[in-house]
Amino acid sequence: MTTPGSQTCTACGASLATGMRFCPRCGAPTPDDGISDEVMLPGSRHLRVSADSLSLRELLAVVESGVFYWRQRLDQSEGVAREQAAAAITELSHILDSLAQQLVAGRETVRITSRLPSTRVAPLACPICGRGNRSGARYCVACGSSMRPDVKSKPHPSPHLSLSVAARTHVGMVRKVNEDTCYSGEFATSDGKIGTLLLVADGMGGHESGEVASRMAADTVKVALRDALSAGVPVADEAWHDLLRRVALMANGRIYERSRAASSTRGMGTTLTMALVAGRRAHIAHVGDSRAYLINPGGVGDSGTWVQLTTDHSLVARLVDIGQLTPAQARVHPQRNMIYRSLGTDPTVDVDTLSQSLALGDVLLLCSDGLDNHVEDAELAQIVINETSEVRICDRLIALANQRGGKDNISVIIARAHV
């Protein structure tokens, strides 16, 4: 019989007394245990991914952080949860052993065996914006500049691009609270032009503190960008990167301080992937494992019609890089949600930035990992290409992720460039 104030185990149905973190019968975590399926590893933010190699020592530090996390879980858990923690430690120990043997053999770096495809469409790169063009092109499809390196002329006039945007977020089929924050909106710059901000933040930390972290990230970014752009608009890509990095660090600081202010928010954090579109350029800042894609039916990279613009700051992404896992194995790997870079985990954080020129028909897709954990990249691209409505694209992608389990919150933003 269930007594007042108690709850029931969702795994076996046993009665749980108030305050229990694990079921005494089966060991399953209780609904209010404060443990997130996604793991943020503090102190591991300095793992850098170069064009062709990774530092073994930096990767080793990330794996060691993972072992430390699961050892804490092992000490705090009982039953099934304890067995899961022990299995995770065993798995990570095998990885540690492999990396240690390579260090003993004198290797300090390991070559990357699987890299994201280039964002250039074709072999002829624009001398102004870097966008790829097909052989024989006279003017760049993205910025209109002359493709002849000996011609020093102003960019050829090209039509102004507009964006059609849709944004959707869904709690999924398992979680009770949606800890994602999804935002799209226009902003005015000091020169009177209109730009667009796209943002996805996936909060973590247990209870509802993940929701607090993702909302704080979005609110801080929106206000900081509005204030900065009202005072002046950057011209060069590097200036845009500095601006985005500055506002992301501002959000990181606010979340970090808030997480230390009360026990209910301790340990909270969030991913952040945002794209600020101004003119024909998309300026992107990224922390965590939410993603940004570029999709175009005419082709955008070596992979064909799509390219992932961001790099996941997760352990399994680096294991794929060095050939220890295939992409298919990474999708179901038990450590796939171990993130070594997030907002709010540490006093400061490294922020990835990049700029991407946009051409007619380009689609920017931003999403939380609740989507890409269930829907493969090629499927994402095909749905985007087949649908003409941005709203229907979002609805179809979310429905497909839920159909396949919907184990996490799902957020999607679609922005299509048109004249």
Protein backbone atom coordinates (compact mmCIF):
# COMPACT_ATOMS: atom_id res chain seq x y z
CA MET A 1 0.00 0.00 0.00
CA THR A 2 1.31 3.43 -0.91
CA THR A 3 1.37 5.85 2.00
CA PRO A 4 0.60 9.58 1.66
CA GLY A 5 3.60 11.54 0.45
CA SER A 6 5.26 8.47 -1.07
CA GLN A 7 5.70 7.61 -4.73
CA THR A 8 5.90 4.53 -6.91
CA CYS A 9 8.91 3.15 -8.77
CA THR A 10 8.35 3.58 -12.51
CA ALA A 11 10.38 0.42 -13.24
CA CYS A 12 8.89 -2.22 -10.91
CA GLY A 13 5.96 -0.51 -9.15
CA ALA A 14 7.38 -0.78 -5.64
CA SER A 15 6.35 1.82 -3.05
CA LEU A 16 9.02 4.46 -2.43
CA ALA A 17 9.32 6.57 0.69
CA THR A 18 9.79 10.30 0.27
CA GLY A 19 13.44 11.21 -0.27
CA MET A 20 14.51 7.86 -1.71
CA ARG A 21 16.91 8.29 -4.63
CA PHE A 22 16.89 4.64 -5.75
CA CYS A 23 14.29 1.87 -5.59
CA PRO A 24 15.20 -0.62 -2.82
CA ARG A 25 13.67 -3.48 -4.83
CA CYS A 26 15.20 -3.04 -8.33
CA GLY A 27 17.76 -0.24 -7.93
CA ALA A 28 16.21 2.04 -10.55
CA PRO A 29 16.66 5.79 -9.96
CA THR A 30 13.54 7.52 -8.67
CA PRO A 31 11.83 10.23 -10.76
CA ASP A 32 13.19 12.95 -8.46
CA ASP A 33 16.69 11.59 -8.00
CA GLY A 34 18.24 14.64 -9.69
CA ILE A 35 20.39 12.49 -11.97
CA SER A 36 20.46 13.43 -15.63
CA ASP A 37 20.95 11.01 -18.49
CA GLU A 38 23.39 13.56 -19.88
CA VAL A 39 26.68 13.93 -18.05
CA MET A 40 28.66 17.18 -17.94
CA LEU A 41 32.32 16.66 -17.12
CA PRO A 42 33.81 19.68 -15.30
CA GLY A 43 37.41 20.65 -15.89
CA SER A 44 37.66 18.99 -19.32
CA ARG A 45 36.96 21.96 -21.54
CA HIS A 46 40.43 22.27 -23.09
CA LEU A 47 40.22 19.34 -25.49
CA ARG A 48 40.96 20.86 -28.89
CA VAL A 49 40.17 19.29 -32.25
CA SER A 50 42.57 20.26 -35.03
CA ALA A 51 42.26 19.52 -38.72
CA ASP A 52 44.08 16.21 -38.53
CA SER A 53 45.00 15.22 -34.97
CA LEU A 54 44.06 15.09 -31.28
CA SER A 55 46.25 15.35 -28.21
CA LEU A 56 46.34 11.98 -26.46
CA ARG A 57 46.94 13.61 -23.08
CA GLU A 58 43.93 15.90 -23.45
CA LEU A 59 41.72 12.99 -24.53
CA LEU A 60 43.07 10.95 -21.62
CA ALA A 61 42.00 13.72 -19.21
CA VAL A 62 38.44 13.63 -20.59
CA VAL A 63 38.21 9.85 -20.15
CA GLU A 64 39.61 10.15 -16.61
CA SER A 65 36.91 12.72 -15.82
CA GLY A 66 34.34 10.20 -16.98
CA VAL A 67 35.79 7.48 -14.76
CA PHE A 68 35.73 9.85 -11.78
CA TYR A 69 32.06 10.66 -12.42
CA TRP A 70 31.00 7.01 -12.59
CA ARG A 71 33.04 6.13 -9.48
CA GLN A 72 31.04 8.71 -7.59
CA ARG A 73 27.83 7.19 -8.95
CA LEU A 74 29.05 3.73 -7.93
CA ASP A 75 29.53 4.88 -4.32
CA GLN A 76 26.08 6.53 -4.23
CA SER A 77 24.05 3.84 -5.98
CA GLU A 78 22.46 0.48 -5.26
CA GLY A 79 21.11 -2.37 -7.35
CA VAL A 80 20.71 -1.85 -11.08
CA ALA A 81 22.11 1.69 -11.00
CA ARG A 82 25.26 0.41 -9.30
CA GLU A 83 25.68 -2.27 -11.96
CA GLN A 84 25.32 0.37 -14.69
CA ALA A 85 28.00 2.53 -13.08
CA ALA A 86 30.36 -0.45 -12.78
CA ALA A 87 29.83 -1.33 -16.46
CA ALA A 88 30.59 2.26 -17.45
CA ILE A 89 33.83 2.23 -15.47
CA THR A 90 34.87 -1.04 -17.13
CA GLU A 91 34.17 0.41 -20.58
CA LEU A 92 36.13 3.59 -19.89
CA SER A 93 38.99 1.61 -18.35
CA HIS A 94 39.52 -0.21 -21.65
CA ILE A 95 39.75 3.17 -23.40
CA LEU A 96 42.20 4.45 -20.76
CA ASP A 97 44.38 1.38 -21.25
CA SER A 98 44.50 1.88 -25.02
CA LEU A 99 45.42 5.57 -24.71
CA ALA A 100 48.03 4.85 -22.03
CA GLN A 101 49.73 2.24 -24.19
CA GLN A 102 50.03 4.75 -27.02
CA LEU A 103 51.57 7.32 -24.66
CA VAL A 104 54.06 4.73 -23.39
CA ALA A 105 55.00 4.05 -27.02
CA GLY A 106 55.95 7.72 -27.34
CA ARG A 107 52.90 9.05 -29.18
CA GLU A 108 51.59 12.45 -28.06
CA THR A 109 48.97 12.91 -30.77
CA VAL A 110 46.73 10.59 -32.72
CA ARG A 111 45.60 11.18 -36.28
CA ILE A 112 41.93 11.78 -36.90
CA THR A 113 40.46 9.08 -39.10
CA SER A 114 36.99 10.52 -39.54
CA ARG A 115 36.41 14.22 -40.03
CA LEU A 116 33.45 16.38 -40.87
CA PRO A 117 33.25 17.09 -44.61
CA SER A 118 34.32 20.42 -46.03
CA THR A 119 31.64 23.06 -46.41
CA ARG A 120 32.87 23.89 -49.90
CA VAL A 121 30.56 22.69 -52.61
CA ALA A 122 33.07 22.27 -55.39
CA PRO A 123 36.81 22.63 -56.08
CA LEU A 124 36.70 26.32 -57.06
CA ALA A 125 36.81 28.39 -53.85
CA CYS A 126 35.67 32.03 -53.90
CA PRO A 127 38.65 34.33 -53.17
CA ILE A 128 36.37 36.62 -51.12
CA CYS A 129 34.10 34.44 -48.98
CA GLY A 130 35.58 30.96 -49.44
CA ARG A 131 32.34 29.32 -50.61
CA GLY A 132 32.87 26.50 -53.09
CA ASN A 133 31.76 26.90 -56.69
CA ARG A 134 31.60 24.56 -59.62
CA SER A 135 34.36 24.55 -62.23
CA GLY A 136 33.96 27.33 -64.77
CA ALA A 137 31.92 29.62 -62.51
CA ARG A 138 32.48 33.32 -63.31
CA TYR A 139 30.89 34.71 -60.16
CA CYS A 140 30.52 33.26 -56.67
CA VAL A 141 27.07 31.80 -55.96
CA ALA A 142 27.20 33.12 -52.38
CA CYS A 143 28.67 36.65 -52.51
CA GLY A 144 28.72 37.48 -56.25
CA SER A 145 32.45 38.19 -56.35
CA SER A 146 34.47 37.56 -59.51
CA MET A 147 36.05 34.10 -59.50
CA ARG A 148 39.11 35.35 -61.37
CA PRO A 149 41.94 35.96 -58.84
CA ASP A 150 43.53 38.56 -61.14
CA VAL A 151 40.37 40.70 -61.19
CA LYS A 152 40.30 43.07 -58.24
CA SER A 153 36.76 44.34 -58.46
CA LYS A 154 33.94 44.80 -56.02
CA PRO A 155 31.57 41.86 -55.56
CA HIS A 156 29.06 41.46 -58.35
CA PRO A 157 25.62 42.69 -57.25
CA SER A 158 23.56 39.81 -55.92
CA PRO A 159 19.97 39.66 -54.68
CA HIS A 160 19.26 40.19 -51.01
CA LEU A 161 18.48 36.94 -49.21
CA SER A 162 15.58 36.61 -46.79
CA LEU A 163 15.01 33.84 -44.25
CA SER A 164 11.88 31.79 -43.65
CA VAL A 165 12.14 30.41 -40.12
CA ALA A 166 10.27 27.86 -38.04
CA ALA A 167 11.17 26.71 -34.52
CA ARG A 168 9.65 23.89 -32.49
CA THR A 169 10.46 22.15 -29.20
CA HIS A 170 8.88 19.04 -27.68
CA VAL A 171 9.28 17.29 -24.34
CA GLY A 172 9.63 13.87 -26.03
CA MET A 173 8.10 10.58 -24.94
CA VAL A 174 10.02 9.91 -21.71
CA ARG A 175 10.94 13.13 -19.90
CA LYS A 176 8.41 14.97 -17.74
CA VAL A 177 10.04 18.39 -18.13
CA ASN A 178 11.32 20.07 -21.29
CA GLU A 179 14.77 21.41 -20.38
CA ASP A 180 15.46 22.64 -23.93
CA THR A 181 15.14 26.30 -24.86
CA CYS A 182 14.56 27.07 -28.52
CA TYR A 183 14.48 30.64 -29.88
CA SER A 184 14.35 32.44 -33.20
CA GLY A 185 13.84 36.15 -33.71
CA GLU A 186 14.84 39.21 -35.67
CA PHE A 187 17.02 42.06 -34.43
CA ALA A 188 17.77 45.53 -35.69
CA THR A 189 21.35 46.75 -36.10
CA SER A 190 22.67 50.27 -35.69
CA ASP A 191 22.77 50.73 -39.47
CA GLY A 192 19.04 50.02 -39.74
CA LYS A 193 19.33 46.51 -41.18
CA ILE A 194 17.53 43.43 -39.93
CA GLY A 195 19.24 40.21 -38.91
CA THR A 196 18.10 36.91 -37.41
CA LEU A 197 19.18 35.03 -34.27
CA LEU A 198 18.66 31.26 -34.08
CA LEU A 199 19.42 29.49 -30.80
CA VAL A 200 19.10 26.04 -29.24
CA ALA A 201 20.14 25.32 -25.64
CA ASP A 202 19.82 21.85 -24.07
CA GLY A 203 19.79 22.14 -20.28
CA MET A 204 21.14 19.48 -17.94
CA GLY A 205 21.51 18.94 -14.23
CA GLY A 206 18.53 17.06 -12.85
CA HIS A 207 15.19 18.18 -11.37
CA GLU A 208 14.26 21.35 -13.30
CA SER A 209 17.62 23.09 -13.03
CA GLY A 210 18.48 22.22 -16.63
CA GLU A 211 15.46 24.22 -17.72
CA VAL A 212 16.75 27.15 -15.66
CA ALA A 213 20.22 26.93 -17.25
CA SER A 214 19.00 26.79 -20.85
CA ARG A 215 16.56 29.66 -20.30
CA MET A 216 19.29 31.77 -18.65
CA ALA A 217 21.59 31.13 -21.62
CA ALA A 218 18.97 32.24 -24.13
CA ASP A 219 17.90 35.31 -22.13
CA THR A 220 21.48 36.45 -21.57
CA VAL A 221 22.41 36.04 -25.23
CA LYS A 222 19.35 37.91 -26.49
CA VAL A 223 19.84 40.91 -24.22
CA ALA A 224 23.62 41.09 -24.68
CA LEU A 225 23.40 40.89 -28.48
CA ARG A 226 20.64 43.49 -28.63
CA ASP A 227 22.70 45.93 -26.56
CA ALA A 228 25.92 45.27 -28.48
CA LEU A 229 24.38 45.55 -31.96
CA SER A 230 22.54 48.77 -31.10
CA ALA A 231 25.94 50.36 -30.50
CA GLY A 232 27.63 49.11 -33.69
CA VAL A 233 27.77 46.27 -36.18
CA PRO A 234 30.90 44.14 -36.71
CA VAL A 235 32.28 44.01 -40.24
CA ALA A 236 34.86 41.21 -40.31
CA ASP A 237 34.07 37.61 -39.37
CA GLU A 238 36.60 37.79 -36.53
CA ALA A 239 34.69 40.68 -34.97
CA TRP A 240 31.45 38.70 -35.11
CA HIS A 241 33.23 35.75 -33.50
CA ASP A 242 34.53 37.98 -30.70
CA LEU A 243 31.01 39.28 -30.08
CA LEU A 244 29.41 35.83 -29.98
CA ARG A 245 32.18 34.46 -27.80
CA ARG A 246 31.76 37.38 -25.41
CA VAL A 247 28.01 36.89 -24.96
CA ALA A 248 28.42 33.10 -24.57
CA LEU A 249 30.99 33.66 -21.82
CA MET A 250 28.62 36.13 -20.18
CA ALA A 251 25.93 33.44 -20.14
CA ASN A 252 28.42 30.89 -18.81
CA GLY A 253 29.34 33.18 -15.92
CA ARG A 254 25.72 33.85 -14.97
CA ILE A 255 24.80 30.16 -15.02
CA TYR A 256 27.91 29.17 -13.07
CA GLU A 257 27.21 31.70 -10.32
CA ARG A 258 23.54 30.71 -10.16
CA SER A 259 24.45 27.01 -9.93
CA ARG A 260 26.57 27.71 -6.86
CA ALA A 261 23.91 29.83 -5.13
CA ALA A 262 21.50 27.04 -4.12
CA SER A 263 21.48 23.27 -3.76
CA SER A 264 18.51 22.99 -6.15
CA THR A 265 20.58 24.37 -9.04
CA ARG A 266 23.98 22.99 -8.13
CA GLY A 267 25.68 21.28 -11.06
CA MET A 268 23.31 22.63 -13.69
CA GLY A 269 24.54 23.53 -17.16
CA THR A 270 23.50 23.71 -20.78
CA THR A 271 24.67 23.35 -24.32
CA LEU A 272 24.46 26.37 -26.60
CA THR A 273 24.37 26.47 -30.38
CA MET A 274 23.45 29.78 -31.99
CA ALA A 275 23.59 31.26 -35.46
CA LEU A 276 23.39 35.00 -36.03
CA VAL A 277 22.50 35.67 -39.68
CA ALA A 278 23.43 39.10 -41.02
CA GLY A 279 23.21 39.68 -44.76
CA ARG A 280 24.55 36.65 -46.58
CA ARG A 281 26.66 35.39 -43.67
CA ALA A 282 25.77 33.12 -40.77
CA HIS A 283 28.00 33.56 -37.72
CA ILE A 284 27.90 30.58 -35.38
CA ALA A 285 28.95 29.98 -31.76
CA HIS A 286 28.81 26.53 -30.21
CA VAL A 287 29.36 24.74 -26.90
CA GLY A 288 28.24 21.15 -26.22
CA ASP A 289 26.55 18.57 -28.43
CA SER A 290 23.59 20.43 -29.89
CA ARG A 291 24.20 20.86 -33.61
CA ALA A 292 24.02 23.16 -36.62
CA TYR A 293 23.73 21.76 -40.15
CA LEU A 294 23.83 23.36 -43.60
CA ILE A 295 21.60 21.68 -46.19
CA ASN A 296 21.02 22.44 -49.86
CA PRO A 297 19.63 20.13 -52.58
CA GLY A 298 22.32 21.47 -54.94
CA GLY A 299 25.09 20.26 -52.62
CA VAL A 300 27.05 21.85 -49.79
CA GLY A 301 29.99 19.59 -49.08
CA ASP A 302 31.93 16.45 -49.84
CA SER A 303 29.07 14.45 -48.31
CA GLY A 304 26.57 15.75 -50.84
CA THR A 305 23.52 17.74 -49.79
CA TRP A 306 24.35 18.35 -46.12
CA VAL A 307 27.20 19.15 -43.76
CA GLN A 308 27.40 19.34 -39.97
CA LEU A 309 28.85 22.77 -39.24
CA THR A 310 29.53 22.17 -35.54
CA THR A 311 31.70 19.62 -33.76
CA ASP A 312 30.12 17.69 -30.87
CA HIS A 313 31.98 18.27 -27.61
CA SER A 314 31.34 14.70 -26.49
CA LEU A 315 33.54 11.75 -25.64
CA VAL A 316 32.11 9.45 -28.31
CA ALA A 317 32.68 12.07 -31.02
CA ARG A 318 36.38 12.03 -30.20
CA LEU A 319 36.43 8.22 -30.13
CA VAL A 320 34.95 8.26 -33.64
CA ASP A 321 37.65 10.75 -34.65
CA ILE A 322 40.46 8.39 -33.64
CA GLY A 323 38.83 5.27 -35.08
CA GLN A 324 37.85 3.53 -31.83
CA LEU A 325 34.15 3.76 -32.72
CA THR A 326 32.19 3.89 -35.94
CA PRO A 327 29.49 6.59 -36.26
CA ALA A 328 26.86 3.84 -36.00
CA GLN A 329 28.40 2.51 -32.77
CA ALA A 330 28.60 6.03 -31.35
CA ARG A 331 24.83 6.46 -31.69
CA VAL A 332 24.17 3.64 -29.20
CA HIS A 333 27.35 3.80 -27.12
CA PRO A 334 26.69 3.87 -23.32
CA GLN A 335 28.90 6.97 -22.94
CA ARG A 336 27.32 8.91 -25.83
CA ASN A 337 25.92 11.60 -23.51
CA MET A 338 29.18 12.42 -21.74
CA ILE A 339 29.88 16.06 -22.64
CA TYR A 340 33.24 17.62 -21.87
CA ARG A 341 32.26 21.20 -22.68
CA SER A 342 29.11 23.02 -21.52
CA LEU A 343 27.95 26.38 -20.19
CA GLY A 344 27.86 26.71 -16.41
CA THR A 345 30.06 23.77 -15.46
CA ASP A 346 33.24 25.82 -14.96
CA PRO A 347 34.04 29.51 -14.39
CA THR A 348 35.07 29.82 -18.03
CA VAL A 349 34.68 27.75 -21.19
CA ASP A 350 36.09 27.51 -24.71
CA VAL A 351 33.58 28.58 -27.38
CA ASP A 352 33.81 27.34 -30.98
CA THR A 353 33.03 29.99 -33.60
CA LEU A 354 32.80 29.97 -37.39
CA SER A 355 31.20 31.91 -40.24
CA GLN A 356 29.37 30.43 -43.20
CA SER A 357 28.31 32.21 -46.38
CA LEU A 358 24.73 31.54 -47.46
CA ALA A 359 23.44 30.97 -50.98
CA LEU A 360 19.96 30.72 -52.43
CA GLY A 361 18.24 27.55 -51.20
CA ASP A 362 20.56 27.01 -48.23
CA VAL A 363 18.86 25.71 -45.08
CA LEU A 364 20.30 26.11 -41.60
CA LEU A 365 19.08 23.41 -39.21
CA LEU A 366 19.79 23.75 -35.49
CA CYS A 367 18.77 20.97 -33.10
CA SER A 368 19.31 19.45 -29.69
CA ASP A 369 20.64 15.90 -29.42
CA GLY A 370 17.11 14.63 -28.79
CA LEU A 371 16.73 14.79 -32.57
CA ASP A 372 20.05 13.53 -33.92
CA ASN A 373 20.15 10.64 -31.41
CA HIS A 374 17.13 9.16 -33.21
CA VAL A 375 17.31 10.54 -36.76
CA GLU A 376 20.39 10.08 -38.93
CA ASP A 377 21.99 12.99 -40.75
CA ALA A 378 21.01 11.78 -44.21
CA GLU A 379 17.40 11.42 -43.06
CA LEU A 380 17.41 14.96 -41.68
CA ALA A 381 18.65 16.30 -44.99
CA GLN A 382 16.16 14.32 -47.06
CA ILE A 383 13.17 15.56 -45.06
CA VAL A 384 14.42 19.14 -45.37
CA ILE A 385 14.85 18.77 -49.14
CA ASN A 386 11.51 17.05 -49.71
CA GLU A 387 9.39 19.52 -47.72
CA THR A 388 8.69 23.08 -48.82
CA SER A 389 7.19 24.20 -45.50
CA GLU A 390 9.60 24.98 -42.67
CA VAL A 391 6.85 24.26 -40.10
CA ARG A 392 6.15 20.83 -41.61
CA ILE A 393 9.87 20.03 -41.57
CA CYS A 394 10.02 20.69 -37.82
CA ASP A 395 6.84 18.69 -37.19
CA ARG A 396 8.00 15.71 -39.27
CA LEU A 397 11.44 15.58 -37.64
CA ILE A 398 9.99 15.74 -34.12
CA ALA A 399 7.37 13.10 -34.95
CA LEU A 400 10.05 10.77 -36.33
CA ALA A 401 12.24 11.18 -33.24
CA ASN A 402 9.25 10.45 -30.99
CA GLN A 403 8.26 7.48 -33.10
CA ARG A 404 11.71 6.01 -32.46
CA GLY A 405 11.52 6.44 -28.71
CA GLY A 406 11.70 10.17 -27.99
CA LYS A 407 14.02 9.52 -25.05
CA ASP A 408 15.02 13.17 -24.71
CA ASN A 409 13.61 16.63 -25.28
CA ILE A 410 13.64 17.56 -28.98
CA SER A 411 14.23 21.03 -30.39
CA VAL A 412 14.50 22.00 -34.08
CA ILE A 413 14.98 25.29 -35.91
CA ILE A 414 14.76 25.52 -39.70
CA ALA A 415 15.88 28.68 -41.55
CA ARG A 416 15.69 28.67 -45.37
CA ALA A 417 17.40 31.34 -47.52
CA HIS A 418 15.35 32.73 -50.39
CA VAL A 419 15.05 35.96 -52.42
